[in-house]
Amino acid sequence: MQLEDEHTDVSAIPRLETVADLIEIAGHLEPSTAVVPGGHRVEDLRLVESARDHGIVDRIILVGDRDRIAAGVAEVGIEIADDDVVAADGDQQVAEATVELIRSGAVDIVLKGDISTPIINRQMLPLAVRQTVSLATVFDAAPMAGGRPMLMTDAGVTTVCSVDRLVDLIRNAVDVARMAMGIERPRVAVLSANEKQIASLPSTQIGLELAERDWDHAVVCGPLSLDLAIDPGSVAIKRMPDLPHAEEVAGRADVLVCPGIDAANVLYKTIASMTKYGDASLASITVGFPVPYIILSRADSLETRLASIALSAVCAKRKPSDRKPQETGKMSDAQSGPTEHGRAPKSRAQNSHWVFRAHVVDRAGALTSIASAFSNEGVSIDTVVGHGFEQRACVDGSVVLTFYCSEAEKDKMVRKIRRLSKVKHLEEHAYESQSLRKSALVLATRELKPQDVVGEKAFLTSELVREGPGGLTYFLAGSPSDLDPVLERLESDRVITDIVYSVLSH
């Protein structure tokens, strides 16, 4: 994947604030075409349909057994054009057909589906445009470096890490950091178990050799232990190591280069385990081919899978000729929640009802990020209302959402949303909480009497707003537990014909 040339202007790329933002960013670039070799697997079809719903891709080409693809498409319930199904028998033919699509320039992203990894990789390798193909992983983790996005390499492709191979890994990683994360001159830490030279620990010698080299568009320091690479507090305690470029990199690294696949894979799996509790996010891309290549683990969460497609789309579309500053997405104030992207809807009867009120900067962009966080966890938003100035990102606003899920799922959503860059503060409430007031504008067919607006525990606030040819408009307010039954009763009795409402905390 040739990401840049001498005309690249990284200064035009906004700095990435969270991994979750990749989904929003990719959704506002030109949509990509994705090909899925072995494209019959239901989980892959749901994933690419989710990417299509987010505007990341607009065309999905499925390669494989036509009958199995048709069965998978029918089970998921998505639409795939007949021309976008490429029939092929067996993994070898599937791999060859996929490579031909890449050679023809018909696709922007390759997502490995249900196909043997060695077979598809053998067909892909002759296409490589770089000397070394490597895996770059963008991540953020709340316990690490204050949760700011970083990049690590290589947790899944490169098994032999000689000096020359690590040079290639650094170059690949730096390109992704520049193109996808907007870091003009990434600070690169070559990791080891110790920052001192130890003869029995080759990674310490390799780290120093890499730090002493001249680098374009990056500053490299090594060997550094993980804490000295990302934690300024550890640097203050242990003191600045006597290494080239330590003043620039120590405690502030953007890119972590692991000394081998063992260390990288352990670090990756550690961060991946944090994603299950909403404390981290991951996105990975295989660099070195004409187009981004995604090889997902079966253990990766839906969020990781979708973010990986978004990362690949960003890298595929951010070329010197079409790069431009990120635009802010727009959503309607009263837009309902996202689709479930193939997941079965959660039963309301088995879950609790919750209310989030998020205080945000850039209300429209925040609403998109929050909706993506809910979608990635398969939690449906019941209602959503935004307040604030859509055209003035510098002005704070708020987003109020109601939804059904378990308490554990709600706690995970709290952690995820509080980590979004556009969310300044988040309040959480049980829907039945007496600290909430629910307001409603209703259109009534007749005058409302006191007996019409008595709740279970109290009378509602009732005020006539205006009279018109279509009926009487009333403002009603009370606790959700009082207001909801009244609205249901009046609607059932056809006393009111229209309802617009929101939930607000005191």
Protein backbone atom coordinates (compact mmCIF):
# COMPACT_ATOMS: atom_id res chain seq x y z
CA MET A 1 0.00 0.00 0.00
CA GLN A 2 1.79 3.09 -1.22
CA LEU A 3 0.44 5.71 1.18
CA GLU A 4 2.44 8.81 0.29
CA ASP A 5 5.00 10.46 -1.97
CA GLU A 6 7.07 13.64 -1.88
CA HIS A 7 3.92 15.73 -2.40
CA THR A 8 2.18 14.44 0.71
CA ASP A 9 0.97 17.23 3.02
CA VAL A 10 0.32 15.56 6.37
CA SER A 11 -0.32 18.93 7.99
CA ALA A 12 -3.73 18.93 6.23
CA ILE A 13 -4.78 15.78 8.12
CA PRO A 14 -6.46 16.38 11.51
CA ARG A 15 -4.87 14.62 14.48
CA LEU A 16 -6.74 11.43 15.43
CA GLU A 17 -8.23 11.79 18.92
CA THR A 18 -9.68 8.29 19.45
CA VAL A 19 -9.71 5.06 17.44
CA ALA A 20 -13.51 5.23 17.37
CA ASP A 21 -13.22 8.48 15.39
CA LEU A 22 -11.87 6.46 12.45
CA ILE A 23 -15.40 5.21 11.76
CA GLU A 24 -16.76 8.73 11.52
CA ILE A 25 -13.78 9.97 9.48
CA ALA A 26 -14.03 7.09 6.99
CA GLY A 27 -17.77 7.65 6.70
CA HIS A 28 -17.16 11.15 5.36
CA LEU A 29 -14.57 10.19 2.77
CA GLU A 30 -15.46 8.79 -0.63
CA PRO A 31 -16.89 5.28 -0.02
CA SER A 32 -14.67 2.30 -0.83
CA THR A 33 -15.21 -0.96 -2.67
CA ALA A 34 -14.42 -4.02 -0.56
CA VAL A 35 -13.79 -7.57 -1.77
CA VAL A 36 -14.27 -10.56 0.53
CA PRO A 37 -12.56 -13.78 -0.63
CA GLY A 38 -14.55 -16.60 0.91
CA GLY A 39 -17.47 -14.22 1.21
CA HIS A 40 -20.18 -16.55 2.48
CA ARG A 41 -19.53 -16.30 6.22
CA VAL A 42 -22.39 -14.63 8.08
CA GLU A 43 -20.20 -12.64 10.49
CA ASP A 44 -18.23 -11.16 7.58
CA LEU A 45 -21.42 -10.23 5.74
CA ARG A 46 -22.79 -8.50 8.82
CA LEU A 47 -19.52 -6.64 9.22
CA VAL A 48 -19.36 -5.29 5.68
CA GLU A 49 -23.05 -4.39 5.83
CA SER A 50 -22.29 -2.41 8.99
CA ALA A 51 -19.49 -0.66 7.11
CA ARG A 52 -21.93 0.07 4.31
CA ASP A 53 -24.46 1.49 6.79
CA HIS A 54 -21.75 3.81 8.13
CA GLY A 55 -20.92 5.03 4.62
CA ILE A 56 -17.44 3.50 4.72
CA VAL A 57 -18.04 1.19 1.76
CA ASP A 58 -20.67 1.34 -0.94
CA ARG A 59 -19.90 -1.80 -2.93
CA ILE A 60 -19.16 -5.29 -1.64
CA ILE A 61 -17.77 -7.97 -3.96
CA LEU A 62 -18.08 -11.53 -2.66
CA VAL A 63 -15.85 -14.27 -4.09
CA GLY A 64 -16.57 -17.93 -3.52
CA ASP A 65 -19.19 -20.64 -3.86
CA ARG A 66 -22.29 -18.98 -5.30
CA ASP A 67 -24.79 -21.14 -3.38
CA ARG A 68 -23.07 -20.64 -0.03
CA ILE A 69 -22.85 -16.90 -0.68
CA ALA A 70 -26.56 -16.77 -1.56
CA ALA A 71 -27.42 -18.64 1.66
CA GLY A 72 -25.32 -16.28 3.77
CA VAL A 73 -26.76 -13.18 2.11
CA ALA A 74 -30.29 -14.47 2.65
CA GLU A 75 -29.63 -15.23 6.32
CA VAL A 76 -28.25 -11.75 6.99
CA GLY A 77 -30.93 -10.12 4.86
CA ILE A 78 -28.73 -7.74 2.87
CA GLU A 79 -28.71 -6.74 -0.78
CA ILE A 80 -25.81 -7.75 -3.02
CA ALA A 81 -25.97 -7.13 -6.76
CA ASP A 82 -25.67 -10.24 -8.92
CA ASP A 83 -22.63 -8.74 -10.66
CA ASP A 84 -20.90 -8.42 -7.27
CA VAL A 85 -20.85 -12.17 -6.68
CA VAL A 86 -17.80 -13.80 -8.32
CA ALA A 87 -18.23 -17.57 -8.46
CA ALA A 88 -15.13 -19.65 -7.69
CA ASP A 89 -14.67 -23.26 -6.59
CA GLY A 90 -12.16 -24.00 -3.85
CA ASP A 91 -9.76 -21.71 -1.99
CA GLN A 92 -7.17 -21.66 -4.77
CA GLN A 93 -9.64 -20.34 -7.35
CA VAL A 94 -11.07 -17.88 -4.83
CA ALA A 95 -7.59 -16.51 -4.12
CA GLU A 96 -6.73 -16.24 -7.82
CA ALA A 97 -10.00 -14.44 -8.61
CA THR A 98 -9.40 -12.00 -5.74
CA VAL A 99 -5.92 -11.18 -6.98
CA GLU A 100 -7.29 -10.50 -10.47
CA LEU A 101 -9.77 -8.02 -8.99
CA ILE A 102 -6.92 -6.24 -7.21
CA ARG A 103 -4.80 -6.17 -10.37
CA SER A 104 -7.70 -4.68 -12.32
CA GLY A 105 -8.04 -1.80 -9.85
CA ALA A 106 -11.66 -2.71 -9.11
CA VAL A 107 -11.30 -2.80 -5.31
CA ASP A 108 -10.00 -0.54 -2.56
CA ILE A 109 -9.94 -2.97 0.39
CA VAL A 110 -9.46 -6.72 0.80
CA LEU A 111 -11.14 -8.37 3.79
CA LYS A 112 -10.11 -12.00 4.24
CA GLY A 113 -13.21 -14.13 4.68
CA ASP A 114 -13.59 -17.89 5.08
CA ILE A 115 -10.50 -18.92 3.14
CA SER A 116 -7.23 -20.56 4.13
CA THR A 117 -4.81 -17.82 5.19
CA PRO A 118 -1.70 -19.48 3.68
CA ILE A 119 -3.46 -19.95 0.32
CA ILE A 120 -4.70 -16.36 0.00
CA ASN A 121 -1.38 -14.98 1.29
CA ARG A 122 0.64 -16.96 -1.27
CA GLN A 123 -1.44 -15.42 -4.05
CA MET A 124 -1.23 -11.94 -2.51
CA LEU A 125 2.54 -11.82 -1.94
CA PRO A 126 3.53 -11.35 -5.61
CA LEU A 127 1.47 -8.15 -5.53
CA ALA A 128 3.53 -6.65 -2.69
CA VAL A 129 4.73 -3.10 -3.37
CA ARG A 130 7.02 -2.97 -0.34
CA GLN A 131 9.98 -5.09 0.64
CA THR A 132 8.29 -6.13 3.90
CA VAL A 133 4.60 -6.69 4.52
CA SER A 134 3.63 -5.93 8.12
CA LEU A 135 0.69 -5.49 10.46
CA ALA A 136 0.14 -2.03 11.96
CA THR A 137 -2.33 -1.67 14.84
CA VAL A 138 -3.75 1.67 15.93
CA PHE A 139 -5.04 1.55 19.51
CA ASP A 140 -6.06 3.58 22.49
CA ALA A 141 -6.27 2.19 26.03
CA ALA A 142 -7.42 4.11 29.06
CA PRO A 143 -4.63 2.79 31.37
CA MET A 144 -1.89 3.58 28.83
CA ALA A 145 -0.57 7.07 27.99
CA GLY A 146 -3.75 8.73 29.17
CA GLY A 147 -5.79 6.94 26.51
CA ARG A 148 -4.29 8.82 23.56
CA PRO A 149 -4.09 6.90 20.26
CA MET A 150 -0.83 5.08 19.52
CA LEU A 151 0.35 2.52 16.98
CA MET A 152 2.10 -0.80 17.54
CA THR A 153 3.77 -3.28 15.18
CA ASP A 154 3.93 -6.19 14.32
CA ALA A 155 1.56 -8.53 16.16
CA GLY A 156 0.66 -10.93 13.39
CA VAL A 157 2.77 -11.03 10.21
CA THR A 158 6.52 -10.58 10.67
CA THR A 159 8.14 -13.49 12.50
CA VAL A 160 11.85 -12.76 11.93
CA CYS A 161 12.81 -9.30 13.20
CA SER A 162 16.33 -8.55 11.96
CA VAL A 163 17.61 -4.96 11.83
CA ASP A 164 16.68 -4.59 8.17
CA ARG A 165 13.23 -6.07 8.74
CA LEU A 166 12.61 -3.71 11.65
CA VAL A 167 13.63 -0.78 9.46
CA ASP A 168 10.83 -1.78 7.08
CA LEU A 169 8.36 -2.22 9.94
CA ILE A 170 9.15 1.28 11.19
CA ARG A 171 8.69 2.80 7.72
CA ASN A 172 5.34 1.03 7.27
CA ALA A 173 4.15 2.06 10.71
CA VAL A 174 5.26 5.67 10.28
CA ASP A 175 3.29 5.94 7.03
CA VAL A 176 0.12 4.72 8.76
CA ALA A 177 0.71 7.07 11.69
CA ARG A 178 1.07 9.99 9.29
CA MET A 179 -1.82 9.15 6.97
CA ALA A 180 -4.39 7.76 9.42
CA MET A 181 -3.45 9.50 12.68
CA GLY A 182 -2.33 12.88 11.35
CA ILE A 183 1.02 12.75 13.17
CA GLU A 184 3.42 14.66 10.95
CA ARG A 185 6.62 13.40 12.62
CA PRO A 186 5.83 10.32 14.71
CA ARG A 187 7.91 9.57 17.80
CA VAL A 188 8.98 5.92 17.50
CA ALA A 189 10.06 3.77 20.46
CA VAL A 190 11.90 0.52 19.74
CA LEU A 191 10.91 -1.64 22.70
CA SER A 192 13.00 -3.99 24.76
CA ALA A 193 13.15 -5.24 28.34
CA ASN A 194 15.84 -2.71 29.26
CA GLU A 195 17.16 0.62 28.01
CA LYS A 196 20.75 -0.41 28.68
CA GLN A 197 22.98 -2.46 26.38
CA ILE A 198 22.94 -6.11 27.43
CA ALA A 199 24.95 -8.60 25.40
CA SER A 200 22.55 -11.45 26.10
CA LEU A 201 19.56 -9.35 25.01
CA PRO A 202 19.93 -8.67 21.25
CA SER A 203 16.91 -6.35 21.15
CA THR A 204 18.84 -3.77 23.19
CA GLN A 205 21.58 -3.64 20.55
CA ILE A 206 19.09 -3.54 17.68
CA GLY A 207 17.16 -0.74 19.36
CA LEU A 208 20.27 1.43 19.67
CA GLU A 209 21.33 0.76 16.08
CA LEU A 210 17.91 1.85 14.81
CA ALA A 211 17.98 4.98 16.97
CA GLU A 212 21.35 6.01 15.54
CA ARG A 213 20.08 5.93 11.94
CA ASP A 214 18.72 8.91 10.02
CA TRP A 215 14.96 8.77 9.43
CA ASP A 216 12.63 10.68 7.14
CA HIS A 217 9.45 11.96 8.79
CA ALA A 218 10.13 10.28 12.16
CA VAL A 219 12.29 10.40 15.27
CA VAL A 220 13.39 7.02 16.63
CA CYS A 221 14.66 6.08 20.08
CA GLY A 222 15.63 2.70 21.50
CA PRO A 223 15.94 0.48 23.32
CA LEU A 224 13.14 1.59 25.65
CA SER A 225 11.06 -0.40 28.09
CA LEU A 226 7.32 0.04 27.66
CA ASP A 227 6.95 2.32 30.67
CA LEU A 228 9.80 4.58 29.57
CA ALA A 229 8.25 4.76 26.11
CA ILE A 230 4.76 5.92 27.12
CA ASP A 231 4.74 7.10 30.75
CA PRO A 232 6.25 10.51 31.61
CA GLY A 233 5.96 9.59 35.29
CA SER A 234 8.25 6.60 34.83
CA VAL A 235 10.75 8.81 33.00
CA ALA A 236 10.70 11.25 35.91
CA ILE A 237 11.32 8.46 38.41
CA LYS A 238 13.93 6.47 36.45
CA ARG A 239 15.46 9.58 34.82
CA MET A 240 15.89 10.24 31.14
CA PRO A 241 17.85 7.38 29.49
CA ASP A 242 21.13 8.22 27.81
CA LEU A 243 19.98 7.33 24.30
CA PRO A 244 19.72 9.15 20.97
CA HIS A 245 16.51 11.22 20.76
CA ALA A 246 15.39 10.20 24.26
CA GLU A 247 14.38 13.79 25.06
CA GLU A 248 11.87 13.72 22.20
CA VAL A 249 10.56 10.17 22.47
CA ALA A 250 10.78 8.91 26.08
CA GLY A 251 7.38 9.03 27.77
CA ARG A 252 5.74 10.40 24.61
CA ALA A 253 6.04 7.67 21.96
CA ASP A 254 3.44 7.53 19.17
CA VAL A 255 4.66 4.27 17.63
CA LEU A 256 5.71 1.16 19.57
CA VAL A 257 7.97 -1.23 17.66
CA CYS A 258 8.10 -4.58 19.39
CA PRO A 259 11.33 -6.63 19.18
CA GLY A 260 9.48 -9.69 17.88
CA ILE A 261 6.08 -11.16 17.14
CA ASP A 262 5.94 -12.82 20.59
CA ALA A 263 6.12 -9.53 22.47
CA ALA A 264 3.87 -7.77 19.95
CA ASN A 265 1.20 -10.46 20.09
CA VAL A 266 1.17 -10.47 23.90
CA LEU A 267 0.80 -6.67 23.92
CA TYR A 268 -1.96 -6.85 21.28
CA LYS A 269 -3.90 -9.53 23.17
CA THR A 270 -3.55 -7.55 26.40
CA ILE A 271 -5.06 -4.47 24.78
CA ALA A 272 -7.70 -6.62 23.06
CA SER A 273 -8.79 -7.96 26.46
CA MET A 274 -9.36 -4.36 27.62
CA THR A 275 -11.78 -3.80 24.73
CA LYS A 276 -14.19 -6.27 26.31
CA TYR A 277 -14.66 -3.86 29.22
CA GLY A 278 -14.81 -0.69 27.14
CA ASP A 279 -11.33 0.42 28.23
CA ALA A 280 -9.57 0.18 24.86
CA SER A 281 -10.11 0.20 21.10
CA LEU A 282 -8.13 -1.43 18.27
CA ALA A 283 -7.88 -1.24 14.49
CA SER A 284 -5.39 -3.16 12.36
CA ILE A 285 -4.20 -2.98 8.76
CA THR A 286 -1.75 -5.09 6.76
CA VAL A 287 0.62 -2.74 4.94
CA GLY A 288 2.66 -3.50 1.83
CA PHE A 289 0.11 -4.39 -0.85
CA PRO A 290 -1.46 -2.15 -3.52
CA VAL A 291 -4.61 -1.97 -1.35
CA PRO A 292 -5.13 -2.40 2.40
CA TYR A 293 -5.51 -6.03 3.43
CA ILE A 294 -7.49 -6.95 6.55
CA ILE A 295 -6.93 -10.24 8.35
CA LEU A 296 -9.21 -10.33 11.39
CA SER A 297 -9.02 -12.63 14.38
CA ARG A 298 -12.13 -14.58 15.24
CA ALA A 299 -11.75 -13.21 18.76
CA ASP A 300 -11.84 -9.57 17.60
CA SER A 301 -14.91 -7.61 18.70
CA LEU A 302 -17.31 -6.07 16.19
CA GLU A 303 -15.90 -2.66 17.13
CA THR A 304 -12.36 -3.81 16.29
CA ARG A 305 -13.51 -5.32 13.00
CA LEU A 306 -15.42 -2.21 11.94
CA ALA A 307 -12.63 0.13 13.03
CA SER A 308 -10.16 -1.95 11.00
CA ILE A 309 -12.26 -1.49 7.87
CA ALA A 310 -12.47 2.22 8.66
CA LEU A 311 -8.67 2.45 9.10
CA SER A 312 -8.18 0.67 5.79
CA ALA A 313 -10.65 2.97 4.04
CA VAL A 314 -8.91 6.06 5.42
CA CYS A 315 -5.51 4.83 4.20
CA ALA A 316 -6.98 3.83 0.83
CA LYS A 317 -8.63 7.18 0.22
CA ARG A 318 -6.14 9.64 1.69
CA LYS A 319 -3.98 10.24 -1.33
CA PRO A 320 -2.16 13.49 -2.13
CA SER A 321 -4.64 14.27 -4.91
CA ASP A 322 -7.79 13.99 -2.84
CA ARG A 323 -6.77 14.65 0.77
CA LYS A 324 -8.68 17.44 2.48
CA PRO A 325 -9.39 18.46 6.09
CA GLN A 326 -11.99 16.34 7.84
CA GLU A 327 -15.54 17.63 7.54
CA THR A 328 -17.99 17.48 10.40
CA GLY A 329 -20.87 15.05 9.96
CA LYS A 330 -24.48 16.19 10.35
CA MET A 331 -27.36 14.33 11.94
CA SER A 332 -30.93 15.39 12.56
CA ASP A 333 -31.77 16.52 16.11
CA ALA A 334 -34.38 13.83 16.49
CA GLN A 335 -32.81 11.08 14.38
CA SER A 336 -33.56 7.66 15.74
CA GLY A 337 -30.86 5.17 16.68
CA PRO A 338 -28.76 3.05 14.33
CA THR A 339 -29.61 -0.34 12.99
CA GLU A 340 -28.35 -3.46 14.72
CA HIS A 341 -26.17 -4.49 11.70
CA GLY A 342 -27.36 -8.07 11.70
CA ARG A 343 -27.60 -8.63 15.46
CA ALA A 344 -30.89 -9.80 16.86
CA PRO A 345 -32.67 -6.93 18.67
CA LYS A 346 -32.33 -7.11 22.43
CA SER A 347 -35.58 -7.83 24.26
CA ARG A 348 -36.80 -4.82 26.21
CA ALA A 349 -38.50 -7.06 28.75
CA GLN A 350 -35.17 -8.64 29.66
CA ASN A 351 -33.28 -5.36 30.02
CA SER A 352 -33.40 -2.13 31.98
CA HIS A 353 -34.31 1.29 30.61
CA TRP A 354 -31.55 3.93 30.79
CA VAL A 355 -30.97 7.59 30.01
CA PHE A 356 -27.67 9.19 29.00
CA ARG A 357 -27.17 12.94 28.83
CA ALA A 358 -23.86 13.82 27.18
CA HIS A 359 -22.45 17.35 27.30
CA VAL A 360 -20.54 17.71 24.04
CA VAL A 361 -18.50 19.90 21.75
CA ASP A 362 -19.63 19.80 18.10
CA ARG A 363 -23.06 18.33 18.71
CA ALA A 364 -23.53 16.84 15.25
CA GLY A 365 -20.15 15.12 15.21
CA ALA A 366 -20.62 13.92 18.78
CA LEU A 367 -24.00 12.42 17.92
CA THR A 368 -22.40 10.44 15.10
CA SER A 369 -19.61 9.14 17.38
CA ILE A 370 -22.05 8.19 20.15
CA ALA A 371 -24.38 6.43 17.72
CA SER A 372 -21.40 4.46 16.35
CA ALA A 373 -20.40 3.40 19.88
CA PHE A 374 -23.92 2.06 20.50
CA SER A 375 -24.04 0.36 17.10
CA ASN A 376 -20.68 -1.33 17.63
CA GLU A 377 -21.96 -2.92 20.85
CA GLY A 378 -25.28 -4.00 19.31
CA VAL A 379 -27.31 -1.76 21.63
CA SER A 380 -30.26 0.00 19.99
CA ILE A 381 -30.98 3.62 20.82
CA ASP A 382 -34.65 4.09 21.69
CA THR A 383 -34.81 7.89 21.36
CA VAL A 384 -32.19 10.56 20.82
CA VAL A 385 -32.47 14.35 20.95
CA GLY A 386 -29.68 16.85 20.41
CA HIS A 387 -29.52 20.41 21.68
CA GLY A 388 -27.00 23.02 20.54
CA PHE A 389 -25.68 24.87 17.50
CA GLU A 390 -25.14 22.58 14.53
CA GLN A 391 -22.97 25.06 12.61
CA ARG A 392 -20.81 26.24 15.52
CA ALA A 393 -18.52 23.44 16.73
CA CYS A 394 -16.99 25.70 19.40
CA VAL A 395 -20.32 25.93 21.26
CA ASP A 396 -21.22 23.23 23.74
CA GLY A 397 -24.44 21.30 23.34
CA SER A 398 -25.99 18.15 24.73
CA VAL A 399 -27.26 14.83 23.46
CA VAL A 400 -29.95 12.94 25.37
CA LEU A 401 -30.50 9.25 24.64
CA THR A 402 -32.74 6.52 26.00
CA PHE A 403 -32.05 2.83 25.45
CA TYR A 404 -32.59 -0.67 26.82
CA CYS A 405 -29.76 -3.00 27.91
CA SER A 406 -28.39 -4.83 30.94
CA GLU A 407 -26.58 -2.95 33.69
CA ALA A 408 -23.25 -4.50 32.66
CA GLU A 409 -23.77 -3.35 29.06
CA LYS A 410 -24.74 0.11 30.30
CA ASP A 411 -21.56 0.35 32.39
CA LYS A 412 -19.49 -0.59 29.34
CA MET A 413 -21.25 2.06 27.25
CA VAL A 414 -20.49 4.64 29.98
CA ARG A 415 -16.77 3.87 29.75
CA LYS A 416 -16.75 3.94 25.94
CA ILE A 417 -18.66 7.20 25.57
CA ARG A 418 -16.69 9.00 28.26
CA ARG A 419 -13.56 8.27 26.24
CA LEU A 420 -14.92 9.92 23.07
CA SER A 421 -13.01 13.10 22.31
CA LYS A 422 -16.16 15.12 21.62
CA VAL A 423 -17.86 14.20 24.92
CA LYS A 424 -16.97 16.54 27.79
CA HIS A 425 -19.24 15.04 30.46
CA LEU A 426 -21.71 12.16 30.69
CA GLU A 427 -24.64 11.76 33.09
CA GLU A 428 -26.30 8.36 33.46
CA HIS A 429 -29.73 7.71 34.98
CA ALA A 430 -32.18 4.89 35.34
CA TYR A 431 -35.20 5.87 33.27
CA GLU A 432 -37.46 5.57 36.32
CA SER A 433 -35.29 7.95 38.36
CA GLN A 434 -37.19 10.72 40.13
CA SER A 435 -34.33 13.08 39.26
CA LEU A 436 -35.55 13.15 35.65
CA ARG A 437 -38.24 15.32 34.14
CA LYS A 438 -39.82 14.31 30.88
CA SER A 439 -41.50 16.94 28.73
CA ALA A 440 -43.90 16.49 25.84
CA LEU A 441 -45.58 18.63 23.23
CA VAL A 442 -48.85 16.97 22.25
CA LEU A 443 -51.56 17.77 19.74
CA ALA A 444 -54.98 17.23 21.37
CA THR A 445 -58.40 16.93 19.74
CA ARG A 446 -60.07 18.65 22.72
CA GLU A 447 -59.30 20.61 25.85
CA LEU A 448 -57.41 18.58 28.44
CA LYS A 449 -59.14 18.32 31.83
CA PRO A 450 -57.33 17.87 35.19
CA GLN A 451 -58.41 14.23 35.29
CA ASP A 452 -56.72 13.72 31.90
CA VAL A 453 -53.26 14.62 33.23
CA VAL A 454 -53.10 12.88 36.60
CA GLY A 455 -50.17 10.51 36.89
CA GLU A 456 -49.63 7.55 39.17
CA LYS A 457 -48.01 9.70 41.85
CA ALA A 458 -48.71 13.30 40.89
CA PHE A 459 -50.49 15.66 38.50
CA LEU A 460 -48.53 16.57 35.42
CA THR A 461 -47.62 20.11 34.50
CA SER A 462 -50.11 21.00 31.77
CA GLU A 463 -50.06 24.22 29.73
CA LEU A 464 -51.93 25.16 26.58
CA VAL A 465 -49.36 26.45 24.07
CA ARG A 466 -51.54 27.36 21.13
CA GLU A 467 -54.82 26.72 19.36
CA GLY A 468 -54.98 25.99 15.66
CA PRO A 469 -57.13 24.40 12.98
CA GLY A 470 -55.33 21.08 13.57
CA GLY A 471 -56.13 20.98 17.29
CA LEU A 472 -54.80 22.19 20.64
CA THR A 473 -51.07 22.03 21.39
CA TYR A 474 -50.22 21.33 25.04
CA PHE A 475 -46.95 21.24 26.93
CA LEU A 476 -46.89 18.40 29.47
CA ALA A 477 -44.14 17.60 31.97
CA GLY A 478 -43.51 15.23 34.84
CA SER A 479 -41.42 12.27 35.85
CA PRO A 480 -41.10 9.57 33.15
CA SER A 481 -43.02 7.08 35.32
CA ASP A 482 -45.93 9.56 35.57
CA LEU A 483 -45.86 11.00 32.04
CA ASP A 484 -45.51 7.79 29.98
CA PRO A 485 -48.74 6.09 31.18
CA VAL A 486 -50.68 9.33 30.67
CA LEU A 487 -49.42 9.68 27.11
CA GLU A 488 -50.25 6.05 26.34
CA ARG A 489 -53.77 6.43 27.78
CA LEU A 490 -54.51 9.66 25.92
CA GLU A 491 -53.18 8.25 22.66
CA SER A 492 -55.21 5.06 23.10
CA ASP A 493 -58.35 7.14 23.77
CA ARG A 494 -57.54 9.26 20.68
CA VAL A 495 -57.47 12.41 22.76
CA ILE A 496 -54.02 13.22 21.39
CA THR A 497 -52.95 12.61 17.83
CA ASP A 498 -49.26 13.53 17.83
CA ILE A 499 -46.43 13.50 20.39
CA VAL A 500 -42.97 15.08 20.33
CA TYR A 501 -40.98 14.61 23.52
CA SER A 502 -37.55 14.58 25.11
CA VAL A 503 -36.02 13.48 28.39
CA LEU A 504 -34.02 15.98 30.42
CA SER A 505 -32.28 15.65 33.77
CA HIS A 506 -32.72 18.21 36.52
